[in-house]
Amino acid sequence: MAHKDTSVNPLRGLWKLKAHVEAEGRTLTLTMNGGMYMEDREPLGRYIKKGVLQRKMNWRKDAHSNFYRSQMACST
């Protein structure tokens, strides 16, 4: 999964991901949008990269989507 280039700039599109991958000498064979992003292009919701938590779960009392988790909905 990639959403930033090596300079930590948001890729902001699959065409930029393709250019980024090809600049590293690799071939892009499959792409898909795997999530939702905030205005600053950071992932919305919990994000774990290579086993390291990058963004915590969004806890909201008025949660009505799968990107926010109501504390009442959790069993743990």
N, C-alpha and C. Protein backbone atom coordinates (compact mmCIF):
# COMPACT_ATOMS: atom_id res chain seq x y z
N MET A 1 0.84 -1.17 0.00
CA MET A 1 0.00 0.00 0.00
C MET A 1 0.89 1.23 0.00
N ALA A 2 0.52 2.20 -0.79
CA ALA A 2 1.30 3.44 -0.86
C ALA A 2 0.35 4.62 -1.02
N HIS A 3 0.59 5.65 -0.25
CA HIS A 3 -0.16 6.89 -0.47
C HIS A 3 0.76 8.10 -0.46
N LYS A 4 2.08 7.86 -0.22
CA LYS A 4 3.06 8.95 -0.25
C LYS A 4 4.28 8.50 -1.03
N ASP A 5 4.98 9.48 -1.62
CA ASP A 5 6.22 9.16 -2.33
C ASP A 5 7.38 9.11 -1.33
N THR A 6 8.59 8.94 -1.83
CA THR A 6 9.76 8.83 -0.95
C THR A 6 10.06 10.13 -0.19
N SER A 7 9.53 11.24 -0.68
CA SER A 7 9.69 12.53 0.02
C SER A 7 8.51 12.81 0.95
N VAL A 8 7.70 11.81 1.21
CA VAL A 8 6.48 11.85 2.04
C VAL A 8 5.42 12.84 1.53
N ASN A 9 5.41 13.08 0.23
CA ASN A 9 4.36 13.89 -0.38
C ASN A 9 3.22 12.96 -0.81
N PRO A 10 1.96 13.36 -0.57
CA PRO A 10 0.84 12.52 -0.99
C PRO A 10 0.88 12.29 -2.52
N LEU A 11 0.61 11.07 -2.94
CA LEU A 11 0.62 10.75 -4.37
C LEU A 11 -0.58 11.36 -5.10
N ARG A 12 -1.73 11.43 -4.47
CA ARG A 12 -2.92 12.11 -4.99
C ARG A 12 -3.43 11.59 -6.32
N GLY A 13 -3.24 10.34 -6.61
CA GLY A 13 -3.81 9.78 -7.83
C GLY A 13 -3.06 8.54 -8.28
N LEU A 14 -3.78 7.66 -8.97
CA LEU A 14 -3.16 6.42 -9.42
C LEU A 14 -2.10 6.66 -10.48
N TRP A 15 -2.23 7.71 -11.29
CA TRP A 15 -1.22 8.02 -12.30
C TRP A 15 0.10 8.43 -11.64
N LYS A 16 0.02 9.11 -10.49
CA LYS A 16 1.24 9.47 -9.76
C LYS A 16 1.85 8.24 -9.09
N LEU A 17 1.01 7.33 -8.64
CA LEU A 17 1.53 6.08 -8.09
C LEU A 17 2.28 5.32 -9.17
N LYS A 18 1.72 5.25 -10.37
CA LYS A 18 2.37 4.57 -11.49
C LYS A 18 3.74 5.19 -11.77
N ALA A 19 3.81 6.51 -11.84
CA ALA A 19 5.08 7.20 -12.09
C ALA A 19 6.08 6.94 -10.96
N HIS A 20 5.60 6.94 -9.73
CA HIS A 20 6.45 6.69 -8.57
C HIS A 20 7.04 5.28 -8.62
N VAL A 21 6.21 4.30 -8.91
CA VAL A 21 6.66 2.91 -8.98
C VAL A 21 7.65 2.72 -10.12
N GLU A 22 7.35 3.30 -11.28
CA GLU A 22 8.24 3.15 -12.43
C GLU A 22 9.57 3.87 -12.22
N ALA A 23 9.57 4.99 -11.46
CA ALA A 23 10.82 5.70 -11.16
C ALA A 23 11.74 4.84 -10.29
N GLU A 24 11.15 3.91 -9.56
CA GLU A 24 11.94 2.99 -8.74
C GLU A 24 12.35 1.75 -9.52
N GLY A 25 12.06 1.72 -10.83
CA GLY A 25 12.44 0.59 -11.66
C GLY A 25 11.52 -0.61 -11.56
N ARG A 26 10.34 -0.40 -11.00
CA ARG A 26 9.37 -1.49 -10.86
C ARG A 26 8.23 -1.31 -11.85
N THR A 27 7.42 -2.34 -12.00
CA THR A 27 6.27 -2.29 -12.90
C THR A 27 4.99 -2.39 -12.09
N LEU A 28 4.07 -1.48 -12.35
CA LEU A 28 2.78 -1.49 -11.67
C LEU A 28 1.86 -2.44 -12.42
N THR A 29 1.32 -3.44 -11.74
CA THR A 29 0.46 -4.42 -12.40
C THR A 29 -0.99 -4.33 -11.98
N LEU A 30 -1.27 -3.79 -10.80
CA LEU A 30 -2.64 -3.68 -10.33
C LEU A 30 -2.74 -2.49 -9.38
N THR A 31 -3.78 -1.69 -9.55
CA THR A 31 -4.03 -0.58 -8.62
C THR A 31 -5.50 -0.53 -8.28
N MET A 32 -5.79 -0.01 -7.11
CA MET A 32 -7.17 0.25 -6.72
C MET A 32 -7.16 1.27 -5.58
N ASN A 33 -8.25 1.98 -5.47
CA ASN A 33 -8.40 2.91 -4.36
C ASN A 33 -8.79 2.09 -3.15
N GLY A 34 -7.96 2.09 -2.13
CA GLY A 34 -8.19 1.26 -0.96
C GLY A 34 -8.71 2.00 0.24
N GLY A 35 -9.18 3.22 0.10
CA GLY A 35 -9.65 3.91 1.29
C GLY A 35 -10.16 5.30 1.02
N MET A 36 -10.44 5.98 2.10
CA MET A 36 -10.92 7.35 2.06
C MET A 36 -9.86 8.22 2.70
N TYR A 37 -9.79 9.47 2.24
CA TYR A 37 -8.75 10.37 2.72
C TYR A 37 -9.36 11.70 3.14
N MET A 38 -8.71 12.36 4.10
CA MET A 38 -9.14 13.67 4.57
C MET A 38 -8.64 14.73 3.58
N GLU A 39 -8.97 15.99 3.85
CA GLU A 39 -8.59 17.09 2.96
C GLU A 39 -7.08 17.20 2.78
N ASP A 40 -6.30 16.84 3.81
CA ASP A 40 -4.85 16.93 3.72
C ASP A 40 -4.22 15.67 3.11
N ARG A 41 -5.07 14.78 2.59
CA ARG A 41 -4.65 13.54 1.92
C ARG A 41 -4.11 12.49 2.87
N GLU A 42 -4.33 12.65 4.16
CA GLU A 42 -3.98 11.62 5.13
C GLU A 42 -5.14 10.62 5.19
N PRO A 43 -4.85 9.35 5.47
CA PRO A 43 -5.92 8.36 5.53
C PRO A 43 -6.95 8.70 6.61
N LEU A 44 -8.19 8.43 6.30
CA LEU A 44 -9.28 8.61 7.25
C LEU A 44 -9.52 7.27 7.92
N GLY A 45 -9.45 7.23 9.22
CA GLY A 45 -9.65 5.99 9.94
C GLY A 45 -8.33 5.35 10.34
N ARG A 46 -8.44 4.18 10.93
CA ARG A 46 -7.25 3.47 11.42
C ARG A 46 -6.37 3.07 10.25
N TYR A 47 -5.06 3.30 10.39
CA TYR A 47 -4.12 3.00 9.32
C TYR A 47 -2.87 2.37 9.91
N ILE A 48 -2.57 1.15 9.47
CA ILE A 48 -1.39 0.42 9.92
C ILE A 48 -0.53 0.14 8.69
N LYS A 49 0.73 0.51 8.76
CA LYS A 49 1.65 0.29 7.64
C LYS A 49 2.83 -0.53 8.13
N LYS A 50 3.05 -1.68 7.51
CA LYS A 50 4.15 -2.59 7.87
C LYS A 50 4.14 -2.90 9.37
N GLY A 51 2.93 -3.11 9.91
CA GLY A 51 2.79 -3.49 11.31
C GLY A 51 2.88 -2.36 12.31
N VAL A 52 3.03 -1.13 11.84
CA VAL A 52 3.15 0.02 12.73
C VAL A 52 1.91 0.91 12.59
N LEU A 53 1.27 1.21 13.72
CA LEU A 53 0.10 2.07 13.73
C LEU A 53 0.49 3.47 13.28
N GLN A 54 -0.09 3.94 12.20
CA GLN A 54 0.18 5.28 11.67
C GLN A 54 -0.90 6.28 12.09
N ARG A 55 -2.14 5.81 12.19
CA ARG A 55 -3.27 6.66 12.59
C ARG A 55 -4.20 5.82 13.46
N LYS A 56 -4.60 6.40 14.59
CA LYS A 56 -5.48 5.69 15.52
C LYS A 56 -6.91 5.63 14.98
N MET A 57 -7.70 4.77 15.60
CA MET A 57 -9.12 4.66 15.30
C MET A 57 -9.80 5.99 15.61
N ASN A 58 -10.75 6.38 14.79
CA ASN A 58 -11.52 7.60 15.03
C ASN A 58 -12.70 7.25 15.93
N TRP A 59 -12.68 7.77 17.15
CA TRP A 59 -13.78 7.52 18.08
C TRP A 59 -14.71 8.71 18.11
N ARG A 60 -15.98 8.48 17.79
CA ARG A 60 -16.97 9.55 17.81
C ARG A 60 -18.27 9.03 18.39
N LYS A 61 -18.93 9.84 19.17
CA LYS A 61 -20.21 9.42 19.74
C LYS A 61 -21.31 9.43 18.69
N ASP A 62 -21.20 10.30 17.68
CA ASP A 62 -22.23 10.41 16.65
C ASP A 62 -21.81 9.70 15.36
N ALA A 63 -21.08 8.58 15.49
CA ALA A 63 -20.54 7.86 14.34
C ALA A 63 -21.65 7.21 13.52
N HIS A 64 -21.59 7.42 12.20
CA HIS A 64 -22.59 6.83 11.30
C HIS A 64 -21.95 6.27 10.04
N SER A 65 -20.69 5.91 10.08
CA SER A 65 -20.05 5.32 8.91
C SER A 65 -19.01 4.31 9.36
N ASN A 66 -18.44 3.59 8.42
CA ASN A 66 -17.43 2.59 8.78
C ASN A 66 -16.05 3.19 9.00
N PHE A 67 -15.86 4.49 8.83
CA PHE A 67 -14.58 5.13 9.07
C PHE A 67 -14.48 5.74 10.45
N TYR A 68 -15.61 5.78 11.16
CA TYR A 68 -15.62 6.21 12.54
C TYR A 68 -16.24 5.09 13.35
N ARG A 69 -15.74 4.87 14.52
CA ARG A 69 -16.25 3.75 15.32
C ARG A 69 -16.82 4.27 16.61
N SER A 70 -18.07 3.99 16.85
CA SER A 70 -18.70 4.39 18.10
C SER A 70 -18.20 3.50 19.22
N GLN A 71 -17.91 4.09 20.37
CA GLN A 71 -17.44 3.31 21.51
C GLN A 71 -18.51 2.32 21.96
N MET A 72 -19.76 2.65 21.76
CA MET A 72 -20.85 1.75 22.15
C MET A 72 -20.88 0.51 21.27
N ALA A 73 -20.32 0.59 20.06
CA ALA A 73 -20.34 -0.54 19.13
C ALA A 73 -19.23 -1.53 19.39
N CYS A 74 -18.27 -1.15 20.22
CA CYS A 74 -17.11 -2.02 20.49
C CYS A 74 -17.34 -2.87 21.71
N SER A 75 -16.90 -4.11 21.62
CA SER A 75 -17.03 -5.00 22.77
C SER A 75 -15.80 -4.98 23.66
N THR A 76 -14.68 -4.40 23.14
CA THR A 76 -13.45 -4.34 23.94
C THR A 76 -13.07 -2.92 24.23
